[in-house]
N, C-alpha and C. Protein backbone atom coordinates (compact mmCIF):
# COMPACT_ATOMS: atom_id res chain seq x y z
N UNK A 1 1.02 -1.26 0.10
CA UNK A 1 -0.33 0.26 0.03
C UNK A 1 0.63 1.26 0.03
N UNK A 2 0.19 2.48 -0.69
CA UNK A 2 1.10 3.31 -0.59
C UNK A 2 1.67 4.46 0.49
N UNK A 3 0.15 4.28 1.50
CA UNK A 3 0.33 4.89 2.93
C UNK A 3 -0.01 3.74 4.28
N UNK A 4 0.70 3.33 4.70
CA UNK A 4 0.45 2.19 5.63
C UNK A 4 -0.28 2.43 6.68
N UNK A 5 -0.20 3.23 6.78
CA UNK A 5 -0.65 3.91 7.90
C UNK A 5 -2.42 3.74 7.98
N UNK A 6 -3.11 3.83 6.67
CA UNK A 6 -4.00 3.63 5.97
C UNK A 6 -4.60 2.36 6.30
N UNK A 7 -5.89 1.68 6.81
CA UNK A 7 -6.45 1.02 6.97
C UNK A 7 -7.06 0.14 5.78
N UNK A 8 -6.32 -0.77 5.28
CA UNK A 8 -7.29 -1.43 4.53
C UNK A 8 -8.41 -1.88 3.85
N UNK A 9 -9.34 -1.82 3.03
CA UNK A 9 -10.60 -1.85 2.40
C UNK A 9 -10.86 -2.97 3.21
N UNK A 10 -12.22 -3.51 2.98
CA UNK A 10 -12.51 -4.88 3.29
C UNK A 10 -13.27 -5.31 1.71
N UNK A 11 -12.79 -6.85 1.67
CA UNK A 11 -12.99 -6.98 0.22
C UNK A 11 -14.55 -6.30 -0.38
N UNK A 12 -14.66 -6.30 -2.20
CA UNK A 12 -15.10 -6.44 -2.32
C UNK A 12 -16.57 -7.37 -2.76
N UNK A 13 -16.24 -8.51 -2.05
CA UNK A 13 -17.60 -9.53 -2.00
C UNK A 13 -16.58 -10.38 -1.77
N UNK A 14 -17.24 -11.70 -2.37
CA UNK A 14 -16.45 -13.43 -2.22
C UNK A 14 -16.33 -13.89 -3.65
N UNK A 15 -16.28 -13.38 -4.72
CA UNK A 15 -15.94 -13.65 -5.96
C UNK A 15 -15.22 -12.28 -6.73
N UNK A 16 -14.93 -12.95 -7.91
CA UNK A 16 -14.34 -12.08 -8.68
C UNK A 16 -15.22 -10.90 -9.21
N UNK A 17 -15.18 -9.85 -9.00
CA UNK A 17 -16.61 -8.76 -8.97
C UNK A 17 -16.43 -8.52 -11.24
N UNK A 18 -15.55 -8.79 -11.70
CA UNK A 18 -15.76 -8.95 -13.14
C UNK A 18 -16.51 -9.97 -13.74
N UNK A 19 -16.39 -11.41 -13.10
CA UNK A 19 -16.62 -12.54 -13.65
C UNK A 19 -18.18 -12.50 -13.43
N UNK A 20 -18.21 -12.03 -12.27
CA UNK A 20 -19.82 -11.74 -11.55
C UNK A 20 -20.71 -11.01 -12.39
N UNK A 21 -19.90 -9.75 -13.36
CA UNK A 21 -20.82 -8.67 -13.82
C UNK A 21 -20.75 -9.51 -15.23
N UNK A 22 -19.88 -10.20 -15.89
CA UNK A 22 -20.46 -10.48 -16.82
C UNK A 22 -20.18 -12.16 -17.37
N UNK A 23 -20.59 -12.75 -15.94
CA UNK A 23 -21.41 -14.37 -16.38
C UNK A 23 -19.74 -15.07 -16.24
N UNK A 24 -18.88 -14.85 -15.72
CA UNK A 24 -17.80 -15.77 -16.50
C UNK A 24 -17.39 -16.20 -14.97
N UNK A 25 -16.51 -17.13 -14.65
CA UNK A 25 -16.05 -17.87 -13.65
C UNK A 25 -14.58 -17.90 -13.35
N UNK A 26 -14.03 -18.21 -12.39
CA UNK A 26 -12.61 -18.10 -12.18
C UNK A 26 -11.98 -19.79 -11.08
N UNK A 27 -10.61 -19.56 -11.37
CA UNK A 27 -10.18 -20.64 -10.47
C UNK A 27 -10.10 -20.48 -9.29
N UNK A 28 -9.01 -19.50 -8.72
CA UNK A 28 -8.91 -18.88 -7.71
C UNK A 28 -9.15 -17.16 -7.57
N UNK A 29 -9.06 -16.83 -6.31
CA UNK A 29 -9.49 -15.56 -6.37
C UNK A 29 -8.05 -14.55 -5.53
N UNK A 30 -7.95 -13.44 -5.56
CA UNK A 30 -7.08 -12.77 -5.23
C UNK A 30 -7.54 -11.41 -4.61
N UNK A 31 -7.18 -10.89 -3.68
CA UNK A 31 -7.74 -9.62 -2.74
C UNK A 31 -6.65 -8.64 -3.05
N UNK A 32 -7.13 -7.31 -3.78
CA UNK A 32 -6.18 -6.18 -3.72
C UNK A 32 -6.20 -5.70 -2.44
N UNK A 33 -4.71 -4.95 -1.82
CA UNK A 33 -4.54 -5.10 -0.68
C UNK A 33 -5.08 -3.19 -0.65
N UNK A 34 -5.04 -3.01 -1.81
CA UNK A 34 -5.44 -1.09 -1.91
C UNK A 34 -6.45 -0.81 -1.74
N UNK A 35 -7.34 -1.49 -2.34
CA UNK A 35 -9.03 -1.03 -2.73
C UNK A 35 -9.79 -2.26 -2.13
N UNK A 36 -9.31 -3.12 -1.76
CA UNK A 36 -10.25 -4.29 -2.00
C UNK A 36 -10.58 -5.31 -2.34
N UNK A 37 -10.48 -4.60 -3.79
CA UNK A 37 -11.26 -5.26 -5.22
C UNK A 37 -10.88 -6.92 -5.28
N UNK A 38 -11.82 -7.76 -5.47
CA UNK A 38 -11.38 -9.17 -5.89
C UNK A 38 -11.40 -9.71 -6.77
N UNK A 39 -10.51 -10.20 -7.66
CA UNK A 39 -10.13 -10.50 -9.06
C UNK A 39 -9.75 -11.92 -9.02
N UNK A 40 -10.11 -12.63 -10.45
CA UNK A 40 -9.84 -14.05 -10.32
C UNK A 40 -8.03 -14.18 -11.04
N UNK A 41 -7.08 -15.24 -10.47
CA UNK A 41 -5.97 -15.65 -10.54
C UNK A 41 -5.63 -15.67 -11.79
N UNK A 42 -3.98 -15.60 -11.96
CA UNK A 42 -3.67 -15.83 -13.38
C UNK A 42 -4.02 -17.38 -14.55
N UNK A 43 -4.46 -18.19 -13.43
CA UNK A 43 -4.74 -19.02 -13.67
C UNK A 43 -6.13 -19.29 -14.64
N UNK A 44 -7.05 -18.42 -14.06
CA UNK A 44 -8.27 -18.59 -14.58
C UNK A 44 -8.52 -17.55 -16.20
N UNK A 45 -9.44 -17.81 -16.80
CA UNK A 45 -9.39 -17.28 -17.86
C UNK A 45 -9.50 -16.10 -18.01
N UNK A 46 -9.51 -15.14 -17.53
CA UNK A 46 -10.04 -13.59 -17.13
C UNK A 46 -8.95 -12.79 -17.23
N UNK A 47 -7.82 -13.56 -16.00
CA UNK A 47 -7.48 -12.95 -15.02
C UNK A 47 -7.31 -11.52 -14.56
N UNK A 48 -7.96 -11.34 -14.15
CA UNK A 48 -8.55 -9.86 -13.57
C UNK A 48 -7.93 -9.61 -12.53
N UNK A 49 -7.50 -9.97 -11.58
CA UNK A 49 -6.22 -9.53 -10.64
C UNK A 49 -5.29 -8.67 -11.13
N UNK A 50 -4.62 -9.50 -12.07
CA UNK A 50 -3.57 -8.87 -12.93
C UNK A 50 -4.10 -7.77 -13.68
N UNK A 51 -5.11 -7.76 -13.85
CA UNK A 51 -5.39 -6.32 -14.80
C UNK A 51 -6.06 -5.53 -14.22
N UNK A 52 -6.00 -5.54 -13.32
CA UNK A 52 -7.01 -4.81 -12.17
C UNK A 52 -5.56 -4.00 -11.82
N UNK A 53 -4.36 -4.90 -11.17
CA UNK A 53 -3.09 -4.31 -10.66
C UNK A 53 -2.57 -3.28 -12.32
N UNK A 54 -2.41 -3.60 -13.12
CA UNK A 54 -2.19 -2.56 -14.27
C UNK A 54 -2.54 -2.26 -14.19
N UNK A 55 -3.85 -1.81 -14.50
CA UNK A 55 -4.97 -0.69 -14.80
C UNK A 55 -5.14 0.87 -14.12
N UNK A 56 -4.68 -0.10 -12.74
CA UNK A 56 -4.76 0.94 -11.40
C UNK A 56 -3.44 1.02 -10.68
N UNK A 57 -2.40 0.40 -11.02
CA UNK A 57 -1.39 0.63 -10.09
C UNK A 57 -1.28 0.08 -9.14
N UNK A 58 -2.37 -0.78 -8.65
CA UNK A 58 -2.26 -1.12 -6.93
C UNK A 58 -2.01 -2.65 -7.28
N UNK A 59 -0.44 -2.60 -6.59
CA UNK A 59 0.52 -3.29 -7.62
C UNK A 59 0.29 -5.21 -6.55
N UNK A 60 0.00 -4.90 -5.28
CA UNK A 60 -0.04 -6.17 -4.28
C UNK A 60 -1.66 -6.46 -3.79
N UNK A 61 -1.11 -8.17 -4.45
CA UNK A 61 -3.15 -8.56 -4.13
C UNK A 61 -2.30 -9.84 -2.92
N UNK A 62 -2.92 -10.32 -2.55
CA UNK A 62 -3.55 -11.35 -1.23
C UNK A 62 -4.05 -12.54 -1.60
N UNK A 63 -3.78 -13.41 -1.73
CA UNK A 63 -4.78 -14.80 -1.90
C UNK A 63 -6.01 -14.42 -0.59
N UNK A 64 -6.98 -15.19 -1.77
CA UNK A 64 -7.99 -14.71 -0.82
C UNK A 64 -9.26 -16.35 -1.18
N UNK A 65 -7.84 -17.27 -0.84
CA UNK A 65 -8.74 -18.89 -0.79
C UNK A 65 -8.18 -19.13 0.85
N UNK A 66 -9.25 -20.34 1.14
CA UNK A 66 -8.93 -20.09 2.02
C UNK A 66 -7.66 -21.43 2.45
N UNK A 67 -6.93 -20.81 3.87
CA UNK A 67 -5.50 -21.36 4.61
C UNK A 67 -4.99 -20.78 3.75
N UNK A 68 -4.71 -19.68 2.69
CA UNK A 68 -3.50 -19.17 2.35
C UNK A 68 -3.81 -17.99 2.53
N UNK A 69 -2.02 -17.18 2.86
CA UNK A 69 -1.59 -16.69 3.49
C UNK A 69 -0.25 -15.93 2.85
N UNK A 70 -0.38 -15.25 1.79
CA UNK A 70 0.50 -14.90 1.04
C UNK A 70 0.17 -13.70 0.59
N UNK A 71 0.88 -12.54 -0.38
CA UNK A 71 0.93 -11.50 -0.99
C UNK A 71 2.35 -11.64 -2.12
N UNK A 72 1.54 -11.41 -3.15
CA UNK A 72 2.25 -11.20 -4.80
C UNK A 72 2.52 -9.66 -4.95
N UNK A 73 3.38 -9.30 -5.65
CA UNK A 73 3.33 -8.08 -6.32
C UNK A 73 3.35 -8.04 -7.72
N UNK A 74 2.19 -7.81 -8.31
CA UNK A 74 2.27 -7.65 -9.74
C UNK A 74 3.35 -7.08 -10.45
N UNK A 75 2.98 -6.21 -10.17
CA UNK A 75 4.08 -4.94 -11.13
C UNK A 75 5.72 -5.32 -10.70
N UNK A 76 5.66 -6.06 -9.32
CA UNK A 76 7.85 -6.42 -9.09
C UNK A 76 7.61 -7.62 -9.80
N UNK A 77 6.45 -8.27 -9.48
CA UNK A 77 6.47 -9.67 -10.33
C UNK A 77 7.67 -10.39 -9.11
N UNK A 78 7.25 -10.38 -7.86
CA UNK A 78 7.32 -10.74 -6.79
C UNK A 78 6.86 -11.27 -5.59
N UNK A 79 7.16 -11.67 -4.70
CA UNK A 79 6.07 -12.05 -3.14
C UNK A 79 6.63 -10.77 -2.33
N UNK A 80 5.51 -10.28 -1.91
CA UNK A 80 5.18 -9.32 -1.21
C UNK A 80 5.21 -9.21 0.48
N UNK A 81 5.77 -8.22 0.67
CA UNK A 81 5.35 -8.35 2.75
C UNK A 81 4.25 -8.40 3.31
N UNK A 82 3.81 -9.12 3.85
CA UNK A 82 2.39 -9.90 4.60
C UNK A 82 2.36 -8.39 5.59
N UNK A 83 1.23 -8.44 5.52
CA UNK A 83 0.50 -7.25 6.83
C UNK A 83 -0.61 -7.95 6.96
N UNK A 84 -1.40 -7.18 8.34
CA UNK A 84 -2.66 -7.45 8.64
C UNK A 84 -3.74 -7.16 7.70
N UNK A 85 -5.02 -7.56 7.88
CA UNK A 85 -6.07 -7.71 6.31
C UNK A 85 -7.42 -7.94 7.54
N UNK A 86 -8.25 -6.81 6.97
CA UNK A 86 -9.04 -6.88 8.03
C UNK A 86 -9.79 -8.33 7.32
N UNK A 87 -10.66 -8.68 8.40
CA UNK A 87 -11.35 -9.86 7.47
C UNK A 87 -13.13 -9.68 6.76
N UNK A 88 -13.73 -10.67 5.79
CA UNK A 88 -12.80 -11.59 5.97
C UNK A 88 -11.34 -11.95 4.97
N UNK A 89 -10.54 -12.91 5.69
CA UNK A 89 -9.22 -13.01 4.85
C UNK A 89 -9.38 -14.37 3.69
N UNK A 90 -10.63 -14.52 3.17
CA UNK A 90 -10.54 -15.54 2.75
C UNK A 90 -12.16 -15.29 1.43
N UNK A 91 -12.31 -15.92 0.60
CA UNK A 91 -13.55 -16.75 0.47
C UNK A 91 -14.24 -17.59 1.04
N UNK A 92 -15.68 -17.79 1.91
CA UNK A 92 -16.07 -18.81 2.16
C UNK A 92 -15.47 -19.90 2.43
N UNK A 93 -15.43 -20.60 2.76
CA UNK A 93 -14.92 -22.21 2.51
C UNK A 93 -16.17 -23.31 2.28
N UNK A 94 -17.35 -22.96 2.24
CA UNK A 94 -18.27 -23.46 1.41
C UNK A 94 -18.83 -22.89 -0.10
N UNK A 95 -17.89 -22.19 -0.61
CA UNK A 95 -17.85 -21.42 -1.86
C UNK A 95 -17.13 -22.36 -2.51
N UNK A 96 -17.75 -22.86 -3.75
CA UNK A 96 -17.01 -23.71 -4.47
C UNK A 96 -15.43 -22.94 -5.42
N UNK A 97 -14.62 -23.97 -5.35
CA UNK A 97 -13.44 -23.57 -6.09
C UNK A 97 -13.16 -24.56 -7.06
N UNK A 98 -13.33 -24.57 -8.34
CA UNK A 98 -13.57 -23.17 -9.92
C UNK A 98 -14.98 -22.53 -8.91
N UNK A 99 -15.07 -21.75 -9.07
CA UNK A 99 -16.48 -20.88 -9.03
C UNK A 99 -16.78 -19.44 -10.22
N UNK A 100 -18.21 -18.99 -10.18
CA UNK A 100 -19.11 -19.37 -9.21
C UNK A 100 -20.03 -20.79 -9.59
N UNK A 101 -20.75 -21.38 -8.32
CA UNK A 101 -21.37 -22.13 -8.84
C UNK A 101 -22.73 -22.56 -10.16
N UNK A 102 -22.65 -22.93 -11.56
CA UNK A 102 -23.54 -22.69 -12.34
C UNK A 102 -23.12 -22.16 -13.34
N UNK A 103 -21.66 -21.59 -13.09
CA UNK A 103 -21.05 -20.70 -14.55
C UNK A 103 -20.21 -21.81 -15.12
N UNK A 104 -19.35 -22.56 -14.12
CA UNK A 104 -17.92 -23.37 -14.05
C UNK A 104 -18.39 -24.52 -15.49
N UNK A 105 -17.84 -24.63 -17.03
CA UNK A 105 -18.25 -25.19 -17.31
C UNK A 105 -17.49 -26.61 -17.36
N UNK A 106 -18.46 -27.13 -18.00
CA UNK A 106 -17.94 -29.24 -17.98
C UNK A 106 -16.24 -28.94 -18.25
N UNK A 107 -15.70 -29.03 -19.13
CA UNK A 107 -14.49 -28.91 -19.39
C UNK A 107 -13.58 -27.91 -18.63
N UNK A 108 -14.20 -27.46 -17.52
CA UNK A 108 -12.89 -26.12 -17.19
C UNK A 108 -11.70 -26.52 -16.87
N UNK A 109 -11.19 -27.78 -16.54
CA UNK A 109 -9.78 -28.58 -16.12
C UNK A 109 -8.65 -28.00 -17.98
N UNK A 110 -9.49 -28.13 -18.70
CA UNK A 110 -8.56 -27.74 -20.15
C UNK A 110 -8.51 -26.36 -20.01
N UNK A 111 -9.23 -25.44 -19.52
CA UNK A 111 -9.05 -24.03 -19.65
C UNK A 111 -8.41 -23.59 -18.74
N UNK A 112 -8.15 -24.10 -17.31
CA UNK A 112 -7.31 -23.44 -16.61
C UNK A 112 -5.78 -23.57 -16.79
N UNK A 113 -4.55 -22.28 -16.62
CA UNK A 113 -3.51 -22.72 -16.48
C UNK A 113 -2.82 -23.29 -15.04
N UNK A 114 -2.98 -24.46 -15.30
CA UNK A 114 -2.34 -24.76 -14.00
C UNK A 114 -0.82 -24.36 -13.53
N UNK A 115 -0.42 -24.50 -12.24
CA UNK A 115 0.58 -23.84 -11.92
C UNK A 115 1.91 -24.78 -12.01
């Protein structure tokens, strides 16, 4: 974040903002620590988290997956220092991944760029 004294905002929701608006789907979710935007990961078809970082200059994201606690700087292309974020720290555990439910194509494994 540009101002470490500023409290990071809560997440924008529990799913990728753009995928939900367009009827798309995601593999994993990322949270912008600057504005709280939830976007889909680089393995997802649309890669909205990375796009958000490049369009806004909000470089650092945190994983928004249950059990993950890591940060990534898209602009520097390296891990970033972790710091406390307000909850929730992940999508709900009962929310499917990939998601959202009902939007994931049956051949989704062929469409995801596995790391």
